[in-house]
Amino acid sequence: MIHIKVIIFIFTVLCFNLSCQLNENTITNEEARLLCDKIELMYNNADIKIAKEILDSAYVLYSPLFPSELRSIEAFTYNIKSNARSFPDFHLSIDSFFVKDDIIYSYWTQTGTNTGPLGRMPTTGKSIEISGFAISKVRDGKIYEEHKYWNVLEFYEQLGFKIFPPESEDEG
């Protein structure tokens, strides 16, 4: 009988300890709303100051637009500045979000007109409207990792770019 009481006691202590650890890393809906508002301002105004305020020093971004992740606030802010040059009227709207533990899951829409260079690609003068989903991991009130999911092909098609199949080699 004493073994069962010891086991129950240990189980209770472990559960309590685990629940306290989980609650340490959670953010509230209000904190998430503030972060989402700042994300919109950061993108819409190409505001590097906000980026430094809300992004962790070890920030990492995974996006289908890039062949590998962006690591660092500096790499990310370069991307924001480049985006502002390509789409001066760029607008990001976080349409909805929900929070679980230390993660913000958000659905967003971005619009803009391409009136500046897109890297080595020509300016098209065309407008875009793209929707996507982001998973933002938060620690100590700052975003330290983000995964963004959106249709890059749709983005290029809206800009007027075409994808052609590779030419086949004739056999014979």
N, C-alpha and C. Protein backbone atom coordinates (compact mmCIF):
# COMPACT_ATOMS: atom_id res chain seq x y z
N MET A 1 0.81 -1.20 0.00
CA MET A 1 0.00 0.00 0.00
C MET A 1 0.86 1.26 0.00
N ILE A 2 1.94 1.22 0.73
CA ILE A 2 2.82 2.38 0.80
C ILE A 2 3.47 2.66 -0.55
N HIS A 3 3.74 1.61 -1.33
CA HIS A 3 4.35 1.80 -2.66
C HIS A 3 3.40 2.55 -3.58
N ILE A 4 2.13 2.25 -3.51
CA ILE A 4 1.15 2.93 -4.35
C ILE A 4 1.08 4.41 -3.97
N LYS A 5 1.10 4.71 -2.69
CA LYS A 5 1.07 6.11 -2.24
C LYS A 5 2.31 6.85 -2.70
N VAL A 6 3.46 6.20 -2.64
CA VAL A 6 4.71 6.82 -3.10
C VAL A 6 4.64 7.07 -4.59
N ILE A 7 4.15 6.11 -5.33
CA ILE A 7 4.05 6.25 -6.78
C ILE A 7 3.09 7.39 -7.13
N ILE A 8 1.95 7.44 -6.45
CA ILE A 8 0.99 8.51 -6.70
C ILE A 8 1.60 9.86 -6.35
N PHE A 9 2.30 9.94 -5.23
CA PHE A 9 2.95 11.18 -4.83
C PHE A 9 3.97 11.63 -5.89
N ILE A 10 4.82 10.72 -6.32
CA ILE A 10 5.85 11.04 -7.32
C ILE A 10 5.18 11.47 -8.63
N PHE A 11 4.14 10.74 -9.02
CA PHE A 11 3.41 11.08 -10.25
C PHE A 11 2.81 12.49 -10.14
N THR A 12 2.22 12.81 -9.03
CA THR A 12 1.61 14.12 -8.81
C THR A 12 2.67 15.22 -8.88
N VAL A 13 3.80 15.00 -8.22
CA VAL A 13 4.88 15.99 -8.23
C VAL A 13 5.41 16.18 -9.65
N LEU A 14 5.60 15.09 -10.38
CA LEU A 14 6.10 15.20 -11.75
C LEU A 14 5.10 15.93 -12.64
N CYS A 15 3.82 15.63 -12.51
CA CYS A 15 2.80 16.31 -13.32
C CYS A 15 2.76 17.79 -13.00
N PHE A 16 2.81 18.13 -11.73
CA PHE A 16 2.80 19.54 -11.33
C PHE A 16 4.03 20.25 -11.87
N ASN A 17 5.17 19.63 -11.74
CA ASN A 17 6.42 20.21 -12.22
C ASN A 17 6.37 20.40 -13.74
N LEU A 18 5.88 19.40 -14.45
CA LEU A 18 5.78 19.49 -15.90
C LEU A 18 4.82 20.59 -16.31
N SER A 19 3.69 20.70 -15.64
CA SER A 19 2.72 21.74 -15.99
C SER A 19 3.30 23.13 -15.71
N CYS A 20 4.08 23.28 -14.68
CA CYS A 20 4.72 24.57 -14.40
C CYS A 20 5.73 24.91 -15.48
N GLN A 21 6.48 23.91 -15.94
CA GLN A 21 7.45 24.16 -16.99
C GLN A 21 6.76 24.55 -18.28
N LEU A 22 5.65 23.90 -18.61
CA LEU A 22 4.93 24.24 -19.83
C LEU A 22 4.37 25.66 -19.76
N ASN A 23 3.87 26.05 -18.62
CA ASN A 23 3.28 27.37 -18.47
C ASN A 23 4.31 28.48 -18.53
N GLU A 24 5.57 28.19 -18.22
CA GLU A 24 6.62 29.21 -18.29
C GLU A 24 6.80 29.71 -19.71
N ASN A 25 6.60 28.85 -20.67
CA ASN A 25 6.90 29.18 -22.06
C ASN A 25 5.68 29.58 -22.87
N THR A 26 4.55 29.81 -22.23
CA THR A 26 3.36 30.16 -22.98
C THR A 26 3.24 31.67 -23.13
N ILE A 27 2.55 32.07 -24.19
CA ILE A 27 2.24 33.48 -24.37
C ILE A 27 0.72 33.61 -24.42
N THR A 28 0.24 34.76 -24.05
CA THR A 28 -1.19 35.00 -24.03
C THR A 28 -1.67 35.48 -25.40
N ASN A 29 -2.97 35.45 -25.61
CA ASN A 29 -3.53 35.99 -26.85
C ASN A 29 -3.22 37.48 -26.98
N GLU A 30 -3.22 38.21 -25.86
CA GLU A 30 -2.93 39.64 -25.90
C GLU A 30 -1.48 39.89 -26.33
N GLU A 31 -0.55 39.10 -25.78
CA GLU A 31 0.86 39.23 -26.18
C GLU A 31 1.04 38.87 -27.65
N ALA A 32 0.33 37.84 -28.09
CA ALA A 32 0.41 37.45 -29.50
C ALA A 32 -0.17 38.54 -30.40
N ARG A 33 -1.28 39.15 -30.00
CA ARG A 33 -1.89 40.22 -30.78
C ARG A 33 -0.92 41.40 -30.93
N LEU A 34 -0.22 41.75 -29.84
CA LEU A 34 0.77 42.82 -29.90
C LEU A 34 1.91 42.48 -30.86
N LEU A 35 2.38 41.23 -30.78
CA LEU A 35 3.44 40.80 -31.70
C LEU A 35 2.94 40.84 -33.15
N CYS A 36 1.73 40.37 -33.39
CA CYS A 36 1.17 40.39 -34.75
C CYS A 36 1.04 41.82 -35.27
N ASP A 37 0.58 42.72 -34.42
CA ASP A 37 0.50 44.14 -34.82
C ASP A 37 1.87 44.69 -35.19
N LYS A 38 2.87 44.33 -34.41
CA LYS A 38 4.24 44.81 -34.69
C LYS A 38 4.80 44.17 -35.96
N ILE A 39 4.46 42.91 -36.20
CA ILE A 39 4.89 42.25 -37.44
C ILE A 39 4.33 43.00 -38.65
N GLU A 40 3.04 43.34 -38.59
CA GLU A 40 2.43 44.10 -39.69
C GLU A 40 3.15 45.44 -39.89
N LEU A 41 3.38 46.17 -38.81
CA LEU A 41 4.09 47.45 -38.92
C LEU A 41 5.50 47.27 -39.48
N MET A 42 6.18 46.24 -39.02
CA MET A 42 7.54 45.97 -39.47
C MET A 42 7.58 45.78 -40.98
N TYR A 43 6.71 44.92 -41.51
CA TYR A 43 6.69 44.66 -42.95
C TYR A 43 6.16 45.86 -43.73
N ASN A 44 5.06 46.44 -43.28
CA ASN A 44 4.41 47.51 -44.04
C ASN A 44 5.23 48.78 -44.11
N ASN A 45 6.09 49.01 -43.12
CA ASN A 45 6.93 50.21 -43.10
C ASN A 45 8.41 49.90 -43.29
N ALA A 46 8.73 48.64 -43.56
CA ALA A 46 10.13 48.19 -43.65
C ALA A 46 10.91 48.72 -42.45
N ASP A 47 10.34 48.55 -41.27
CA ASP A 47 10.87 49.13 -40.04
C ASP A 47 11.86 48.19 -39.36
N ILE A 48 13.13 48.46 -39.56
CA ILE A 48 14.20 47.64 -39.01
C ILE A 48 14.24 47.75 -37.49
N LYS A 49 13.87 48.89 -36.96
CA LYS A 49 13.86 49.10 -35.51
C LYS A 49 12.89 48.11 -34.85
N ILE A 50 11.71 47.93 -35.45
CA ILE A 50 10.75 46.96 -34.90
C ILE A 50 11.30 45.55 -35.01
N ALA A 51 11.96 45.24 -36.12
CA ALA A 51 12.54 43.90 -36.29
C ALA A 51 13.49 43.60 -35.13
N LYS A 52 14.32 44.55 -34.79
CA LYS A 52 15.27 44.34 -33.70
C LYS A 52 14.58 44.24 -32.34
N GLU A 53 13.40 44.83 -32.24
CA GLU A 53 12.63 44.79 -30.99
C GLU A 53 11.92 43.45 -30.79
N ILE A 54 11.39 42.85 -31.88
CA ILE A 54 10.56 41.66 -31.72
C ILE A 54 11.23 40.35 -32.11
N LEU A 55 12.41 40.42 -32.74
CA LEU A 55 13.09 39.20 -33.16
C LEU A 55 14.25 38.89 -32.22
N ASP A 56 14.38 37.64 -31.88
CA ASP A 56 15.47 37.16 -31.03
C ASP A 56 16.79 37.26 -31.79
N SER A 57 17.88 37.43 -31.08
CA SER A 57 19.19 37.57 -31.73
C SER A 57 19.57 36.31 -32.53
N ALA A 58 18.98 35.17 -32.19
CA ALA A 58 19.25 33.92 -32.92
C ALA A 58 18.12 33.59 -33.90
N TYR A 59 17.44 34.61 -34.40
CA TYR A 59 16.28 34.43 -35.28
C TYR A 59 16.63 33.60 -36.51
N VAL A 60 15.68 32.70 -36.88
CA VAL A 60 15.81 31.87 -38.08
C VAL A 60 14.47 31.89 -38.82
N LEU A 61 14.51 32.11 -40.14
CA LEU A 61 13.31 32.11 -40.97
C LEU A 61 13.43 31.03 -42.04
N TYR A 62 12.40 30.20 -42.13
CA TYR A 62 12.29 29.20 -43.19
C TYR A 62 11.15 29.65 -44.10
N SER A 63 11.44 29.84 -45.38
CA SER A 63 10.45 30.30 -46.34
C SER A 63 10.68 29.61 -47.67
N PRO A 64 9.61 29.30 -48.40
CA PRO A 64 9.79 28.64 -49.70
C PRO A 64 10.46 29.55 -50.74
N LEU A 65 10.57 30.83 -50.45
CA LEU A 65 11.22 31.75 -51.38
C LEU A 65 12.73 31.61 -51.39
N PHE A 66 13.29 31.09 -50.30
CA PHE A 66 14.74 31.02 -50.15
C PHE A 66 15.22 29.57 -50.21
N PRO A 67 16.36 29.33 -50.85
CA PRO A 67 16.87 27.96 -50.93
C PRO A 67 17.31 27.39 -49.58
N SER A 68 17.67 28.25 -48.67
CA SER A 68 18.01 27.80 -47.30
C SER A 68 17.48 28.85 -46.33
N GLU A 69 17.50 28.51 -45.07
CA GLU A 69 16.93 29.42 -44.07
C GLU A 69 17.75 30.71 -43.95
N LEU A 70 17.04 31.77 -43.55
CA LEU A 70 17.71 33.03 -43.22
C LEU A 70 18.06 32.96 -41.75
N ARG A 71 19.32 33.16 -41.42
CA ARG A 71 19.76 33.09 -40.04
C ARG A 71 20.31 34.44 -39.62
N SER A 72 19.63 35.11 -38.77
CA SER A 72 20.04 36.37 -38.15
C SER A 72 19.05 37.48 -38.48
N ILE A 73 19.01 38.42 -37.59
CA ILE A 73 18.17 39.60 -37.79
C ILE A 73 18.68 40.39 -38.99
N GLU A 74 20.00 40.45 -39.16
CA GLU A 74 20.58 41.21 -40.27
C GLU A 74 20.14 40.66 -41.62
N ALA A 75 20.16 39.34 -41.78
CA ALA A 75 19.72 38.73 -43.04
C ALA A 75 18.24 39.01 -43.28
N PHE A 76 17.47 38.95 -42.22
CA PHE A 76 16.04 39.21 -42.34
C PHE A 76 15.77 40.68 -42.69
N THR A 77 16.46 41.60 -42.05
CA THR A 77 16.23 43.02 -42.33
C THR A 77 16.68 43.38 -43.75
N TYR A 78 17.72 42.73 -44.26
CA TYR A 78 18.11 42.93 -45.65
C TYR A 78 16.95 42.52 -46.56
N ASN A 79 16.30 41.42 -46.22
CA ASN A 79 15.16 40.93 -46.99
C ASN A 79 14.00 41.93 -46.96
N ILE A 80 13.72 42.50 -45.80
CA ILE A 80 12.63 43.49 -45.68
C ILE A 80 12.93 44.73 -46.53
N LYS A 81 14.18 45.21 -46.49
CA LYS A 81 14.55 46.38 -47.28
C LYS A 81 14.43 46.08 -48.78
N SER A 82 14.88 44.91 -49.18
CA SER A 82 14.80 44.49 -50.58
C SER A 82 13.34 44.40 -51.02
N ASN A 83 12.51 43.85 -50.16
CA ASN A 83 11.08 43.73 -50.45
C ASN A 83 10.45 45.11 -50.65
N ALA A 84 10.84 46.07 -49.80
CA ALA A 84 10.31 47.43 -49.90
C ALA A 84 10.74 48.11 -51.20
N ARG A 85 11.95 47.79 -51.68
CA ARG A 85 12.40 48.33 -52.97
C ARG A 85 11.61 47.72 -54.12
N SER A 86 11.33 46.43 -54.03
CA SER A 86 10.60 45.73 -55.10
C SER A 86 9.12 46.07 -55.11
N PHE A 87 8.54 46.25 -53.92
CA PHE A 87 7.11 46.52 -53.76
C PHE A 87 6.92 47.70 -52.79
N PRO A 88 7.09 48.94 -53.27
CA PRO A 88 6.98 50.09 -52.37
C PRO A 88 5.63 50.21 -51.67
N ASP A 89 4.57 49.69 -52.26
CA ASP A 89 3.25 49.74 -51.64
C ASP A 89 2.90 48.42 -50.93
N PHE A 90 3.89 47.65 -50.59
CA PHE A 90 3.69 46.34 -49.96
C PHE A 90 2.82 46.48 -48.70
N HIS A 91 1.89 45.55 -48.56
CA HIS A 91 1.03 45.56 -47.37
C HIS A 91 0.82 44.12 -46.90
N LEU A 92 1.12 43.89 -45.64
CA LEU A 92 0.88 42.59 -45.00
C LEU A 92 -0.24 42.76 -43.99
N SER A 93 -1.19 41.86 -44.04
CA SER A 93 -2.28 41.86 -43.07
C SER A 93 -2.37 40.47 -42.45
N ILE A 94 -2.28 40.40 -41.13
CA ILE A 94 -2.48 39.12 -40.44
C ILE A 94 -3.98 38.99 -40.23
N ASP A 95 -4.58 38.09 -40.99
CA ASP A 95 -6.03 37.95 -41.03
C ASP A 95 -6.58 37.26 -39.79
N SER A 96 -5.85 36.28 -39.28
CA SER A 96 -6.27 35.57 -38.07
C SER A 96 -5.06 34.86 -37.48
N PHE A 97 -5.17 34.53 -36.20
CA PHE A 97 -4.11 33.80 -35.54
C PHE A 97 -4.68 33.05 -34.34
N PHE A 98 -3.94 32.05 -33.90
CA PHE A 98 -4.24 31.42 -32.62
C PHE A 98 -2.93 31.04 -31.97
N VAL A 99 -2.98 30.85 -30.67
CA VAL A 99 -1.78 30.61 -29.87
C VAL A 99 -1.90 29.27 -29.18
N LYS A 100 -0.82 28.53 -29.17
CA LYS A 100 -0.72 27.32 -28.37
C LYS A 100 0.67 27.30 -27.77
N ASP A 101 0.72 27.28 -26.45
CA ASP A 101 1.99 27.30 -25.71
C ASP A 101 2.81 28.52 -26.13
N ASP A 102 3.96 28.29 -26.76
CA ASP A 102 4.83 29.41 -27.15
C ASP A 102 4.84 29.64 -28.66
N ILE A 103 3.78 29.22 -29.34
CA ILE A 103 3.74 29.31 -30.80
C ILE A 103 2.52 30.11 -31.24
N ILE A 104 2.75 31.03 -32.18
CA ILE A 104 1.66 31.78 -32.82
C ILE A 104 1.48 31.17 -34.22
N TYR A 105 0.28 30.74 -34.51
CA TYR A 105 -0.08 30.23 -35.84
C TYR A 105 -0.90 31.32 -36.49
N SER A 106 -0.44 31.84 -37.63
CA SER A 106 -1.16 32.96 -38.24
C SER A 106 -1.40 32.72 -39.72
N TYR A 107 -2.53 33.25 -40.17
CA TYR A 107 -2.91 33.24 -41.58
C TYR A 107 -2.83 34.69 -42.05
N TRP A 108 -2.11 34.93 -43.15
CA TRP A 108 -1.86 36.31 -43.58
C TRP A 108 -2.11 36.48 -45.08
N THR A 109 -2.25 37.74 -45.47
CA THR A 109 -2.36 38.11 -46.87
C THR A 109 -1.39 39.26 -47.12
N GLN A 110 -0.70 39.19 -48.25
CA GLN A 110 0.19 40.29 -48.62
C GLN A 110 -0.17 40.75 -50.03
N THR A 111 -0.10 42.06 -50.21
CA THR A 111 -0.38 42.66 -51.51
C THR A 111 0.73 43.66 -51.84
N GLY A 112 0.82 44.00 -53.11
CA GLY A 112 1.79 44.99 -53.53
C GLY A 112 1.90 45.04 -55.04
N THR A 113 2.54 46.09 -55.51
CA THR A 113 2.78 46.27 -56.93
C THR A 113 4.28 46.31 -57.17
N ASN A 114 4.74 45.49 -58.09
CA ASN A 114 6.17 45.39 -58.36
C ASN A 114 6.62 46.54 -59.24
N THR A 115 7.22 47.54 -58.61
CA THR A 115 7.74 48.69 -59.36
C THR A 115 9.25 48.84 -59.19
N GLY A 116 9.88 47.87 -58.54
CA GLY A 116 11.33 47.88 -58.37
C GLY A 116 11.89 46.51 -58.71
N PRO A 117 13.19 46.41 -58.84
CA PRO A 117 13.81 45.15 -59.25
C PRO A 117 13.57 44.02 -58.24
N LEU A 118 13.45 42.82 -58.77
CA LEU A 118 13.31 41.60 -57.97
C LEU A 118 14.63 40.83 -58.07
N GLY A 119 15.63 41.29 -57.40
CA GLY A 119 16.95 40.66 -57.54
C GLY A 119 17.44 40.87 -58.96
N ARG A 120 17.69 39.78 -59.69
CA ARG A 120 18.17 39.87 -61.06
C ARG A 120 17.03 39.84 -62.08
N MET A 121 15.78 39.76 -61.59
CA MET A 121 14.63 39.70 -62.50
C MET A 121 14.11 41.10 -62.76
N PRO A 122 13.51 41.29 -63.93
CA PRO A 122 13.03 42.63 -64.29
C PRO A 122 11.79 43.03 -63.50
N THR A 123 11.60 44.33 -63.39
CA THR A 123 10.38 44.88 -62.81
C THR A 123 9.23 44.59 -63.75
N THR A 124 8.08 44.20 -63.19
CA THR A 124 6.93 43.83 -64.03
C THR A 124 5.81 44.86 -64.02
N GLY A 125 5.71 45.68 -62.97
CA GLY A 125 4.61 46.61 -62.85
C GLY A 125 3.29 45.95 -62.48
N LYS A 126 3.32 44.66 -62.21
CA LYS A 126 2.09 43.92 -61.90
C LYS A 126 1.87 43.84 -60.39
N SER A 127 0.61 43.66 -60.03
CA SER A 127 0.23 43.55 -58.62
C SER A 127 0.11 42.09 -58.20
N ILE A 128 0.32 41.86 -56.91
CA ILE A 128 0.18 40.52 -56.34
C ILE A 128 -0.79 40.56 -55.17
N GLU A 129 -1.39 39.42 -54.92
CA GLU A 129 -2.14 39.18 -53.69
C GLU A 129 -1.93 37.71 -53.34
N ILE A 130 -1.18 37.49 -52.29
CA ILE A 130 -0.78 36.15 -51.89
C ILE A 130 -1.20 35.93 -50.44
N SER A 131 -1.70 34.73 -50.16
CA SER A 131 -2.02 34.35 -48.79
C SER A 131 -1.11 33.23 -48.35
N GLY A 132 -0.88 33.16 -47.06
CA GLY A 132 -0.01 32.12 -46.53
C GLY A 132 -0.24 31.89 -45.05
N PHE A 133 0.58 31.04 -44.51
CA PHE A 133 0.47 30.60 -43.13
C PHE A 133 1.84 30.69 -42.50
N ALA A 134 1.90 31.15 -41.25
CA ALA A 134 3.18 31.25 -40.54
C ALA A 134 3.08 30.58 -39.18
N ILE A 135 4.17 29.95 -38.81
CA ILE A 135 4.33 29.38 -37.47
C ILE A 135 5.48 30.14 -36.84
N SER A 136 5.18 30.91 -35.80
CA SER A 136 6.17 31.76 -35.15
C SER A 136 6.40 31.26 -33.73
N LYS A 137 7.62 30.84 -33.45
CA LYS A 137 7.97 30.36 -32.12
C LYS A 137 8.52 31.52 -31.29
N VAL A 138 7.97 31.65 -30.07
CA VAL A 138 8.29 32.81 -29.23
C VAL A 138 8.98 32.35 -27.94
N ARG A 139 10.01 33.11 -27.58
CA ARG A 139 10.73 32.86 -26.32
C ARG A 139 11.04 34.22 -25.70
N ASP A 140 10.67 34.39 -24.45
CA ASP A 140 10.92 35.64 -23.74
C ASP A 140 10.38 36.86 -24.49
N GLY A 141 9.19 36.69 -25.10
CA GLY A 141 8.54 37.79 -25.79
C GLY A 141 9.07 38.11 -27.18
N LYS A 142 10.03 37.31 -27.68
CA LYS A 142 10.61 37.57 -29.00
C LYS A 142 10.48 36.32 -29.88
N ILE A 143 10.35 36.56 -31.17
CA ILE A 143 10.25 35.46 -32.12
C ILE A 143 11.67 34.96 -32.41
N TYR A 144 11.88 33.66 -32.20
CA TYR A 144 13.21 33.11 -32.45
C TYR A 144 13.24 32.20 -33.68
N GLU A 145 12.07 31.75 -34.14
CA GLU A 145 12.04 30.88 -35.32
C GLU A 145 10.69 31.02 -36.00
N GLU A 146 10.73 31.11 -37.34
CA GLU A 146 9.48 31.18 -38.10
C GLU A 146 9.54 30.25 -39.30
N HIS A 147 8.40 29.64 -39.57
CA HIS A 147 8.22 28.82 -40.77
C HIS A 147 7.05 29.44 -41.53
N LYS A 148 7.31 29.83 -42.77
CA LYS A 148 6.26 30.44 -43.58
C LYS A 148 5.95 29.51 -44.75
N TYR A 149 4.66 29.39 -45.02
CA TYR A 149 4.19 28.51 -46.07
C TYR A 149 3.28 29.30 -47.00
N TRP A 150 3.65 29.35 -48.27
CA TRP A 150 2.85 30.04 -49.27
C TRP A 150 3.27 29.57 -50.65
N ASN A 151 2.44 29.88 -51.64
CA ASN A 151 2.64 29.38 -52.99
C ASN A 151 3.52 30.33 -53.81
N VAL A 152 4.78 30.00 -53.92
CA VAL A 152 5.73 30.85 -54.65
C VAL A 152 5.41 30.86 -56.15
N LEU A 153 4.93 29.74 -56.68
CA LEU A 153 4.57 29.68 -58.10
C LEU A 153 3.46 30.68 -58.41
N GLU A 154 2.46 30.75 -57.54
CA GLU A 154 1.37 31.72 -57.71
C GLU A 154 1.91 33.15 -57.70
N PHE A 155 2.86 33.43 -56.84
CA PHE A 155 3.52 34.74 -56.76
C PHE A 155 4.14 35.11 -58.11
N TYR A 156 4.95 34.21 -58.67
CA TYR A 156 5.60 34.49 -59.95
C TYR A 156 4.60 34.57 -61.10
N GLU A 157 3.56 33.74 -61.06
CA GLU A 157 2.54 33.81 -62.11
C GLU A 157 1.81 35.14 -62.07
N GLN A 158 1.49 35.64 -60.88
CA GLN A 158 0.82 36.94 -60.78
C GLN A 158 1.71 38.07 -61.30
N LEU A 159 3.02 37.88 -61.20
CA LEU A 159 3.95 38.88 -61.73
C LEU A 159 4.14 38.74 -63.24
N GLY A 160 3.56 37.69 -63.84
CA GLY A 160 3.64 37.51 -65.28
C GLY A 160 4.74 36.57 -65.75
N PHE A 161 5.45 35.96 -64.83
CA PHE A 161 6.50 35.02 -65.22
C PHE A 161 5.87 33.70 -65.62
N LYS A 162 6.51 33.00 -66.54
CA LYS A 162 6.03 31.71 -67.02
C LYS A 162 7.08 30.64 -66.71
N ILE A 163 6.59 29.46 -66.44
CA ILE A 163 7.50 28.32 -66.24
C ILE A 163 7.30 27.38 -67.42
N PHE A 164 8.40 27.07 -68.08
CA PHE A 164 8.34 26.19 -69.24
C PHE A 164 9.04 24.87 -68.91
N PRO A 165 8.55 23.78 -69.47
CA PRO A 165 9.22 22.50 -69.23
C PRO A 165 10.58 22.49 -69.92
N PRO A 166 11.49 21.68 -69.41
CA PRO A 166 12.79 21.60 -70.07
C PRO A 166 12.65 21.00 -71.48
N GLU A 167 13.54 21.41 -72.33
CA GLU A 167 13.52 20.86 -73.70
C GLU A 167 13.99 19.43 -73.66
N SER A 168 13.31 18.58 -74.38
CA SER A 168 13.72 17.17 -74.41
C SER A 168 14.75 16.98 -75.51
N GLU A 169 15.61 16.04 -75.25
CA GLU A 169 16.62 15.73 -76.27
C GLU A 169 16.05 14.67 -77.22
N ASP A 170 16.24 14.89 -78.51
CA ASP A 170 15.77 13.91 -79.49
C ASP A 170 16.65 12.69 -79.44
N GLU A 171 16.01 11.54 -79.45
CA GLU A 171 16.76 10.29 -79.46
C GLU A 171 16.70 9.70 -80.85
N GLY A 172 17.69 9.85 -81.58
CA GLY A 172 17.73 9.14 -82.83
C GLY A 172 17.75 10.00 -83.95
